[in-house]
Amino acid sequence: MRFFTIFIIILFLFSCSKGTDIATKEKAAESESTDTQYKKELDEIKKNLKGDVKIKLKKDVKGSYSWEILGKDAQEILKANEILKKRLSE
């Protein structure tokens, strides 16, 4: 009887630990998919802009995004900034 009780307790502990591993993996996969989505959108924005504009996208610890735009043409920099604001606020 003791063996059966110990076996059930051990089985229960292992099943609980696997559930948290699966939840952690799902959260990691979800965050990777959002990061790849933002990178794809950033590449689309870069293709649509004329001139030599460089955009560095940064992700904060809280999950919010910020960016740094460098370039020679001020109009293109402002245009890129507006596009980023629209895309990331959606």
PDB file of N, CA and C in Angstrom:
ATOM      1  N   MET A   1       0.828  -1.200   0.000  1.00  0.00           N
ATOM      2  CA  MET A   1       0.000   0.000   0.000  1.00  0.00           C
ATOM      3  C   MET A   1       0.868   1.258   0.000  1.00  0.00           C
ATOM      4  N   ARG A   2       1.938   1.252   0.800  1.00  0.00           N
ATOM      5  CA  ARG A   2       2.830   2.415   0.831  1.00  0.00           C
ATOM      6  C   ARG A   2       3.491   2.628  -0.524  1.00  0.00           C
ATOM      7  N   PHE A   3       3.892   1.541  -1.137  1.00  0.00           N
ATOM      8  CA  PHE A   3       4.531   1.633  -2.451  1.00  0.00           C
ATOM      9  C   PHE A   3       3.589   2.278  -3.463  1.00  0.00           C
ATOM     10  N   PHE A   4       2.355   1.884  -3.454  1.00  0.00           N
ATOM     11  CA  PHE A   4       1.355   2.441  -4.359  1.00  0.00           C
ATOM     12  C   PHE A   4       1.157   3.932  -4.108  1.00  0.00           C
ATOM     13  N   THR A   5       1.093   4.354  -2.854  1.00  0.00           N
ATOM     14  CA  THR A   5       0.909   5.768  -2.509  1.00  0.00           C
ATOM     15  C   THR A   5       2.115   6.587  -2.948  1.00  0.00           C
ATOM     16  N   ILE A   6       3.311   6.074  -2.702  1.00  0.00           N
ATOM     17  CA  ILE A   6       4.536   6.776  -3.113  1.00  0.00           C
ATOM     18  C   ILE A   6       4.584   6.881  -4.633  1.00  0.00           C
ATOM     19  N   PHE A   7       4.203   5.810  -5.315  1.00  0.00           N
ATOM     20  CA  PHE A   7       4.185   5.809  -6.774  1.00  0.00           C
ATOM     21  C   PHE A   7       3.225   6.866  -7.332  1.00  0.00           C
ATOM     22  N   ILE A   8       2.067   6.987  -6.750  1.00  0.00           N
ATOM     23  CA  ILE A   8       1.073   7.981  -7.178  1.00  0.00           C
ATOM     24  C   ILE A   8       1.593   9.391  -6.937  1.00  0.00           C
ATOM     25  N   ILE A   9       2.231   9.632  -5.805  1.00  0.00           N
ATOM     26  CA  ILE A   9       2.770  10.962  -5.495  1.00  0.00           C
ATOM     27  C   ILE A   9       3.866  11.334  -6.479  1.00  0.00           C
ATOM     28  N   ILE A  10       4.763  10.408  -6.758  1.00  0.00           N
ATOM     29  CA  ILE A  10       5.848  10.677  -7.713  1.00  0.00           C
ATOM     30  C   ILE A  10       5.280  10.924  -9.106  1.00  0.00           C
ATOM     31  N   LEU A  11       4.321  10.141  -9.506  1.00  0.00           N
ATOM     32  CA  LEU A  11       3.674  10.323 -10.803  1.00  0.00           C
ATOM     33  C   LEU A  11       3.007  11.697 -10.903  1.00  0.00           C
ATOM     34  N   PHE A  12       2.364  12.110  -9.839  1.00  0.00           N
ATOM     35  CA  PHE A  12       1.717  13.423  -9.800  1.00  0.00           C
ATOM     36  C   PHE A  12       2.741  14.548  -9.920  1.00  0.00           C
ATOM     37  N   LEU A  13       3.872  14.431  -9.223  1.00  0.00           N
ATOM     38  CA  LEU A  13       4.911  15.464  -9.287  1.00  0.00           C
ATOM     39  C   LEU A  13       5.495  15.582 -10.689  1.00  0.00           C
ATOM     40  N   PHE A  14       5.738  14.440 -11.337  1.00  0.00           N
ATOM     41  CA  PHE A  14       6.266  14.504 -12.689  1.00  0.00           C
ATOM     42  C   PHE A  14       5.271  15.104 -13.671  1.00  0.00           C
ATOM     43  N   SER A  15       4.017  14.804 -13.517  1.00  0.00           N
ATOM     44  CA  SER A  15       3.019  15.351 -14.429  1.00  0.00           C
ATOM     45  C   SER A  15       2.872  16.855 -14.245  1.00  0.00           C
ATOM     46  N   CYS A  16       3.017  17.361 -13.039  1.00  0.00           N
ATOM     47  CA  CYS A  16       2.931  18.807 -12.794  1.00  0.00           C
ATOM     48  C   CYS A  16       4.112  19.534 -13.413  1.00  0.00           C
ATOM     49  N   SER A  17       5.295  18.972 -13.322  1.00  0.00           N
ATOM     50  CA  SER A  17       6.477  19.639 -13.870  1.00  0.00           C
ATOM     51  C   SER A  17       6.430  19.695 -15.387  1.00  0.00           C
ATOM     52  N   LYS A  18       5.868  18.706 -16.058  1.00  0.00           N
ATOM     53  CA  LYS A  18       5.759  18.727 -17.511  1.00  0.00           C
ATOM     54  C   LYS A  18       4.790  19.794 -17.985  1.00  0.00           C
ATOM     55  N   GLY A  19       3.758  20.060 -17.232  1.00  0.00           N
ATOM     56  CA  GLY A  19       2.792  21.095 -17.606  1.00  0.00           C
ATOM     57  C   GLY A  19       3.415  22.474 -17.612  1.00  0.00           C
ATOM     58  N   THR A  20       4.284  22.782 -16.660  1.00  0.00           N
ATOM     59  CA  THR A  20       4.932  24.088 -16.638  1.00  0.00           C
ATOM     60  C   THR A  20       5.955  24.201 -17.749  1.00  0.00           C
ATOM     61  N   ASP A  21       6.621  23.107 -18.124  1.00  0.00           N
ATOM     62  CA  ASP A  21       7.568  23.147 -19.228  1.00  0.00           C
ATOM     63  C   ASP A  21       6.865  23.465 -20.533  1.00  0.00           C
ATOM     64  N   ILE A  22       5.718  22.890 -20.761  1.00  0.00           N
ATOM     65  CA  ILE A  22       4.962  23.126 -21.987  1.00  0.00           C
ATOM     66  C   ILE A  22       4.494  24.579 -22.048  1.00  0.00           C
ATOM     67  N   ALA A  23       4.025  25.117 -20.927  1.00  0.00           N
ATOM     68  CA  ALA A  23       3.564  26.507 -20.896  1.00  0.00           C
ATOM     69  C   ALA A  23       4.726  27.457 -21.171  1.00  0.00           C
ATOM     70  N   THR A  24       5.899  27.163 -20.620  1.00  0.00           N
ATOM     71  CA  THR A  24       7.073  28.002 -20.845  1.00  0.00           C
ATOM     72  C   THR A  24       7.482  27.965 -22.305  1.00  0.00           C
ATOM     73  N   LYS A  25       7.454  26.789 -22.917  1.00  0.00           N
ATOM     74  CA  LYS A  25       7.826  26.664 -24.328  1.00  0.00           C
ATOM     75  C   LYS A  25       6.843  27.414 -25.218  1.00  0.00           C
ATOM     76  N   GLU A  26       5.551  27.376 -24.880  1.00  0.00           N
ATOM     77  CA  GLU A  26       4.551  28.079 -25.682  1.00  0.00           C
ATOM     78  C   GLU A  26       4.753  29.584 -25.602  1.00  0.00           C
ATOM     79  N   LYS A  27       5.070  30.108 -24.418  1.00  0.00           N
ATOM     80  CA  LYS A  27       5.314  31.544 -24.280  1.00  0.00           C
ATOM     81  C   LYS A  27       6.547  31.956 -25.070  1.00  0.00           C
ATOM     82  N   ALA A  28       7.602  31.141 -25.038  1.00  0.00           N
ATOM     83  CA  ALA A  28       8.822  31.461 -25.778  1.00  0.00           C
ATOM     84  C   ALA A  28       8.545  31.456 -27.278  1.00  0.00           C
ATOM     85  N   ALA A  29       7.786  30.486 -27.744  1.00  0.00           N
ATOM     86  CA  ALA A  29       7.462  30.416 -29.170  1.00  0.00           C
ATOM     87  C   ALA A  29       6.615  31.614 -29.592  1.00  0.00           C
ATOM     88  N   GLU A  30       5.695  32.041 -28.738  1.00  0.00           N
ATOM     89  CA  GLU A  30       4.836  33.190 -29.047  1.00  0.00           C
ATOM     90  C   GLU A  30       5.659  34.463 -29.142  1.00  0.00           C
ATOM     91  N   SER A  31       6.608  34.669 -28.227  1.00  0.00           N
ATOM     92  CA  SER A  31       7.424  35.883 -28.264  1.00  0.00           C
ATOM     93  C   SER A  31       8.341  35.877 -29.474  1.00  0.00           C
ATOM     94  N   GLU A  32       8.839  34.702 -29.875  1.00  0.00           N
ATOM     95  CA  GLU A  32       9.670  34.620 -31.072  1.00  0.00           C
ATOM     96  C   GLU A  32       8.865  34.956 -32.321  1.00  0.00           C
ATOM     97  N   SER A  33       7.625  34.522 -32.369  1.00  0.00           N
ATOM     98  CA  SER A  33       6.808  34.803 -33.549  1.00  0.00           C
ATOM     99  C   SER A  33       6.504  36.293 -33.665  1.00  0.00           C
ATOM    100  N   THR A  34       6.254  36.976 -32.547  1.00  0.00           N
ATOM    101  CA  THR A  34       6.006  38.421 -32.612  1.00  0.00           C
ATOM    102  C   THR A  34       7.271  39.161 -33.011  1.00  0.00           C
ATOM    103  N   ASP A  35       8.436  38.696 -32.522  1.00  0.00           N
ATOM    104  CA  ASP A  35       9.688  39.337 -32.906  1.00  0.00           C
ATOM    105  C   ASP A  35       9.953  39.177 -34.398  1.00  0.00           C
ATOM    106  N   THR A  36       9.712  38.000 -34.929  1.00  0.00           N
ATOM    107  CA  THR A  36       9.924  37.793 -36.363  1.00  0.00           C
ATOM    108  C   THR A  36       8.925  38.600 -37.181  1.00  0.00           C
ATOM    109  N   GLN A  37       7.708  38.759 -36.670  1.00  0.00           N
ATOM    110  CA  GLN A  37       6.706  39.560 -37.369  1.00  0.00           C
ATOM    111  C   GLN A  37       7.157  41.020 -37.452  1.00  0.00           C
ATOM    112  N   TYR A  38       7.672  41.567 -36.340  1.00  0.00           N
ATOM    113  CA  TYR A  38       8.136  42.951 -36.356  1.00  0.00           C
ATOM    114  C   TYR A  38       9.359  43.114 -37.247  1.00  0.00           C
ATOM    115  N   LYS A  39      10.220  42.125 -37.295  1.00  0.00           N
ATOM    116  CA  LYS A  39      11.389  42.209 -38.165  1.00  0.00           C
ATOM    117  C   LYS A  39      10.966  42.208 -39.633  1.00  0.00           C
ATOM    118  N   LYS A  40       9.965  41.388 -39.977  1.00  0.00           N
ATOM    119  CA  LYS A  40       9.474  41.368 -41.345  1.00  0.00           C
ATOM    120  C   LYS A  40       8.863  42.714 -41.724  1.00  0.00           C
ATOM    121  N   GLU A  41       8.084  43.295 -40.820  1.00  0.00           N
ATOM    122  CA  GLU A  41       7.479  44.604 -41.093  1.00  0.00           C
ATOM    123  C   GLU A  41       8.556  45.672 -41.233  1.00  0.00           C
ATOM    124  N   LEU A  42       9.595  45.588 -40.417  1.00  0.00           N
ATOM    125  CA  LEU A  42      10.691  46.554 -40.503  1.00  0.00           C
ATOM    126  C   LEU A  42      11.397  46.435 -41.850  1.00  0.00           C
ATOM    127  N   ASP A  43      11.591  45.226 -42.334  1.00  0.00           N
ATOM    128  CA  ASP A  43      12.202  45.033 -43.648  1.00  0.00           C
ATOM    129  C   ASP A  43      11.327  45.613 -44.757  1.00  0.00           C
ATOM    130  N   GLU A  44      10.006  45.455 -44.645  1.00  0.00           N
ATOM    131  CA  GLU A  44       9.089  46.034 -45.637  1.00  0.00           C
ATOM    132  C   GLU A  44       9.180  47.554 -45.646  1.00  0.00           C
ATOM    133  N   ILE A  45       9.262  48.143 -44.469  1.00  0.00           N
ATOM    134  CA  ILE A  45       9.362  49.603 -44.368  1.00  0.00           C
ATOM    135  C   ILE A  45      10.657  50.079 -45.010  1.00  0.00           C
ATOM    136  N   LYS A  46      11.748  49.375 -44.750  1.00  0.00           N
ATOM    137  CA  LYS A  46      13.035  49.762 -45.323  1.00  0.00           C
ATOM    138  C   LYS A  46      13.009  49.692 -46.846  1.00  0.00           C
ATOM    139  N   LYS A  47      12.320  48.686 -47.398  1.00  0.00           N
ATOM    140  CA  LYS A  47      12.243  48.548 -48.852  1.00  0.00           C
ATOM    141  C   LYS A  47      11.457  49.691 -49.484  1.00  0.00           C
ATOM    142  N   ASN A  48      10.419  50.167 -48.793  1.00  0.00           N
ATOM    143  CA  ASN A  48       9.569  51.216 -49.340  1.00  0.00           C
ATOM    144  C   ASN A  48      10.213  52.597 -49.277  1.00  0.00           C
ATOM    145  N   LEU A  49      11.193  52.783 -48.427  1.00  0.00           N
ATOM    146  CA  LEU A  49      11.824  54.093 -48.280  1.00  0.00           C
ATOM    147  C   LEU A  49      12.928  54.273 -49.319  1.00  0.00           C
ATOM    148  N   LYS A  50      13.021  55.497 -49.821  1.00  0.00           N
ATOM    149  CA  LYS A  50      14.080  55.839 -50.754  1.00  0.00           C
ATOM    150  C   LYS A  50      15.241  56.415 -49.957  1.00  0.00           C
ATOM    151  N   GLY A  51      16.414  56.325 -50.514  1.00  0.00           N
ATOM    152  CA  GLY A  51      17.568  56.920 -49.863  1.00  0.00           C
ATOM    153  C   GLY A  51      18.226  55.963 -48.885  1.00  0.00           C
ATOM    154  N   ASP A  52      19.164  56.524 -48.145  1.00  0.00           N
ATOM    155  CA  ASP A  52      19.972  55.739 -47.224  1.00  0.00           C
ATOM    156  C   ASP A  52      19.473  55.976 -45.793  1.00  0.00           C
ATOM    157  N   VAL A  53      18.503  55.174 -45.359  1.00  0.00           N
ATOM    158  CA  VAL A  53      17.918  55.302 -44.029  1.00  0.00           C
ATOM    159  C   VAL A  53      18.190  54.014 -43.268  1.00  0.00           C
ATOM    160  N   LYS A  54      18.732  54.151 -42.050  1.00  0.00           N
ATOM    161  CA  LYS A  54      19.003  52.987 -41.213  1.00  0.00           C
ATOM    162  C   LYS A  54      18.094  53.045 -39.986  1.00  0.00           C
ATOM    163  N   ILE A  55      17.445  51.933 -39.700  1.00  0.00           N
ATOM    164  CA  ILE A  55      16.512  51.856 -38.570  1.00  0.00           C
ATOM    165  C   ILE A  55      16.985  50.761 -37.627  1.00  0.00           C
ATOM    166  N   LYS A  56      17.132  51.123 -36.344  1.00  0.00           N
ATOM    167  CA  LYS A  56      17.459  50.142 -35.311  1.00  0.00           C
ATOM    168  C   LYS A  56      16.249  50.016 -34.394  1.00  0.00           C
ATOM    169  N   LEU A  57      15.662  48.836 -34.366  1.00  0.00           N
ATOM    170  CA  LEU A  57      14.488  48.566 -33.540  1.00  0.00           C
ATOM    171  C   LEU A  57      14.945  47.921 -32.243  1.00  0.00           C
ATOM    172  N   LYS A  58      14.463  48.462 -31.112  1.00  0.00           N
ATOM    173  CA  LYS A  58      14.858  47.966 -29.797  1.00  0.00           C
ATOM    174  C   LYS A  58      13.622  47.552 -29.013  1.00  0.00           C
ATOM    175  N   LYS A  59      13.734  46.445 -28.267  1.00  0.00           N
ATOM    176  CA  LYS A  59      12.638  45.956 -27.436  1.00  0.00           C
ATOM    177  C   LYS A  59      13.029  46.127 -25.973  1.00  0.00           C
ATOM    178  N   ASP A  60      12.136  46.770 -25.204  1.00  0.00           N
ATOM    179  CA  ASP A  60      12.379  46.983 -23.787  1.00  0.00           C
ATOM    180  C   ASP A  60      12.045  45.731 -22.997  1.00  0.00           C
ATOM    181  N   VAL A  61      12.402  45.752 -21.723  1.00  0.00           N
ATOM    182  CA  VAL A  61      12.106  44.633 -20.830  1.00  0.00           C
ATOM    183  C   VAL A  61      10.599  44.459 -20.669  1.00  0.00           C
ATOM    184  N   LYS A  62       9.860  45.555 -20.694  1.00  0.00           N
ATOM    185  CA  LYS A  62       8.407  45.510 -20.524  1.00  0.00           C
ATOM    186  C   LYS A  62       7.690  45.018 -21.773  1.00  0.00           C
ATOM    187  N   GLY A  63       8.395  44.923 -22.891  1.00  0.00           N
ATOM    188  CA  GLY A  63       7.783  44.451 -24.124  1.00  0.00           C
ATOM    189  C   GLY A  63       7.451  45.563 -25.098  1.00  0.00           C
ATOM    190  N   SER A  64       7.730  46.801 -24.734  1.00  0.00           N
ATOM    191  CA  SER A  64       7.456  47.906 -25.655  1.00  0.00           C
ATOM    192  C   SER A  64       8.657  48.095 -26.596  1.00  0.00           C
ATOM    193  N   TYR A  65       8.405  48.731 -27.725  1.00  0.00           N
ATOM    194  CA  TYR A  65       9.432  48.915 -28.744  1.00  0.00           C
ATOM    195  C   TYR A  65       9.800  50.386 -28.876  1.00  0.00           C
ATOM    196  N   SER A  66      11.069  50.616 -29.188  1.00  0.00           N
ATOM    197  CA  SER A  66      11.548  51.951 -29.533  1.00  0.00           C
ATOM    198  C   SER A  66      12.489  51.788 -30.725  1.00  0.00           C
ATOM    199  N   TRP A  67      12.818  52.904 -31.389  1.00  0.00           N
ATOM    200  CA  TRP A  67      13.663  52.809 -32.556  1.00  0.00           C
ATOM    201  C   TRP A  67      14.553  54.024 -32.677  1.00  0.00           C
ATOM    202  N   GLU A  68      15.590  53.827 -33.476  1.00  0.00           N
ATOM    203  CA  GLU A  68      16.560  54.881 -33.754  1.00  0.00           C
ATOM    204  C   GLU A  68      16.706  54.938 -35.269  1.00  0.00           C
ATOM    205  N   ILE A  69      16.495  56.120 -35.848  1.00  0.00           N
ATOM    206  CA  ILE A  69      16.524  56.273 -37.294  1.00  0.00           C
ATOM    207  C   ILE A  69      17.681  57.203 -37.673  1.00  0.00           C
ATOM    208  N   LEU A  70      18.514  56.747 -38.588  1.00  0.00           N
ATOM    209  CA  LEU A  70      19.643  57.534 -39.070  1.00  0.00           C
ATOM    210  C   LEU A  70      19.557  57.663 -40.580  1.00  0.00           C
ATOM    211  N   GLY A  71      19.920  58.820 -41.097  1.00  0.00           N
ATOM    212  CA  GLY A  71      19.901  59.025 -42.541  1.00  0.00           C
ATOM    213  C   GLY A  71      20.318  60.432 -42.919  1.00  0.00           C
ATOM    214  N   LYS A  72      20.447  60.661 -44.215  1.00  0.00           N
ATOM    215  CA  LYS A  72      20.868  61.967 -44.727  1.00  0.00           C
ATOM    216  C   LYS A  72      19.686  62.886 -45.006  1.00  0.00           C
ATOM    217  N   ASP A  73      18.587  62.333 -45.485  1.00  0.00           N
ATOM    218  CA  ASP A  73      17.428  63.120 -45.881  1.00  0.00           C
ATOM    219  C   ASP A  73      16.427  63.206 -44.723  1.00  0.00           C
ATOM    220  N   ALA A  74      16.154  64.417 -44.261  1.00  0.00           N
ATOM    221  CA  ALA A  74      15.258  64.616 -43.117  1.00  0.00           C
ATOM    222  C   ALA A  74      13.825  64.186 -43.439  1.00  0.00           C
ATOM    223  N   GLN A  75      13.374  64.403 -44.661  1.00  0.00           N
ATOM    224  CA  GLN A  75      12.012  64.019 -45.045  1.00  0.00           C
ATOM    225  C   GLN A  75      11.828  62.499 -44.970  1.00  0.00           C
ATOM    226  N   GLU A  76      12.836  61.764 -45.410  1.00  0.00           N
ATOM    227  CA  GLU A  76      12.759  60.308 -45.362  1.00  0.00           C
ATOM    228  C   GLU A  76      12.769  59.806 -43.915  1.00  0.00           C
ATOM    229  N   ILE A  77      13.517  60.458 -43.046  1.00  0.00           N
ATOM    230  CA  ILE A  77      13.561  60.079 -41.629  1.00  0.00           C
ATOM    231  C   ILE A  77      12.198  60.305 -40.985  1.00  0.00           C
ATOM    232  N   LEU A  78      11.592  61.460 -41.262  1.00  0.00           N
ATOM    233  CA  LEU A  78      10.263  61.745 -40.708  1.00  0.00           C
ATOM    234  C   LEU A  78       9.206  60.781 -41.251  1.00  0.00           C
ATOM    235  N   LYS A  79       9.320  60.449 -42.527  1.00  0.00           N
ATOM    236  CA  LYS A  79       8.389  59.501 -43.136  1.00  0.00           C
ATOM    237  C   LYS A  79       8.524  58.122 -42.486  1.00  0.00           C
ATOM    238  N   ALA A  80       9.750  57.688 -42.266  1.00  0.00           N
ATOM    239  CA  ALA A  80       9.993  56.394 -41.626  1.00  0.00           C
ATOM    240  C   ALA A  80       9.459  56.385 -40.201  1.00  0.00           C
ATOM    241  N   ASN A  81       9.633  57.481 -39.502  1.00  0.00           N
ATOM    242  CA  ASN A  81       9.141  57.582 -38.122  1.00  0.00           C
ATOM    243  C   ASN A  81       7.614  57.467 -38.074  1.00  0.00           C
ATOM    244  N   GLU A  82       6.922  58.140 -38.980  1.00  0.00           N
ATOM    245  CA  GLU A  82       5.462  58.072 -39.015  1.00  0.00           C
ATOM    246  C   GLU A  82       4.970  56.659 -39.345  1.00  0.00           C
ATOM    247  N   ILE A  83       5.644  56.015 -40.294  1.00  0.00           N
ATOM    248  CA  ILE A  83       5.252  54.652 -40.657  1.00  0.00           C
ATOM    249  C   ILE A  83       5.439  53.711 -39.477  1.00  0.00           C
ATOM    250  N   LEU A  84       6.558  53.844 -38.769  1.00  0.00           N
ATOM    251  CA  LEU A  84       6.806  52.991 -37.605  1.00  0.00           C
ATOM    252  C   LEU A  84       5.776  53.219 -36.511  1.00  0.00           C
ATOM    253  N   LYS A  85       5.418  54.476 -36.278  1.00  0.00           N
ATOM    254  CA  LYS A  85       4.410  54.776 -35.262  1.00  0.00           C
ATOM    255  C   LYS A  85       3.077  54.098 -35.601  1.00  0.00           C
ATOM    256  N   LYS A  86       2.675  54.189 -36.867  1.00  0.00           N
ATOM    257  CA  LYS A  86       1.415  53.588 -37.295  1.00  0.00           C
ATOM    258  C   LYS A  86       1.439  52.068 -37.184  1.00  0.00           C
ATOM    259  N   ARG A  87       2.512  51.455 -37.637  1.00  0.00           N
ATOM    260  CA  ARG A  87       2.613  49.987 -37.673  1.00  0.00           C
ATOM    261  C   ARG A  87       2.697  49.389 -36.264  1.00  0.00           C
ATOM    262  N   LEU A  88       3.465  50.012 -35.388  1.00  0.00           N
ATOM    263  CA  LEU A  88       3.688  49.433 -34.056  1.00  0.00           C
ATOM    264  C   LEU A  88       2.570  49.762 -33.077  1.00  0.00           C
ATOM    265  N   SER A  89       1.754  50.759 -33.397  1.00  0.00           N
ATOM    266  CA  SER A  89       0.652  51.085 -32.490  1.00  0.00           C
ATOM    267  C   SER A  89      -0.585  50.224 -32.758  1.00  0.00           C
ATOM    268  N   GLU A  90      -0.620  49.518 -33.869  1.00  0.00           N
ATOM    269  CA  GLU A  90      -1.778  48.691 -34.246  1.00  0.00           C
ATOM    270  C   GLU A  90      -1.953  47.523 -33.338  1.00  0.00           C
TER     271      GLU A  90
END
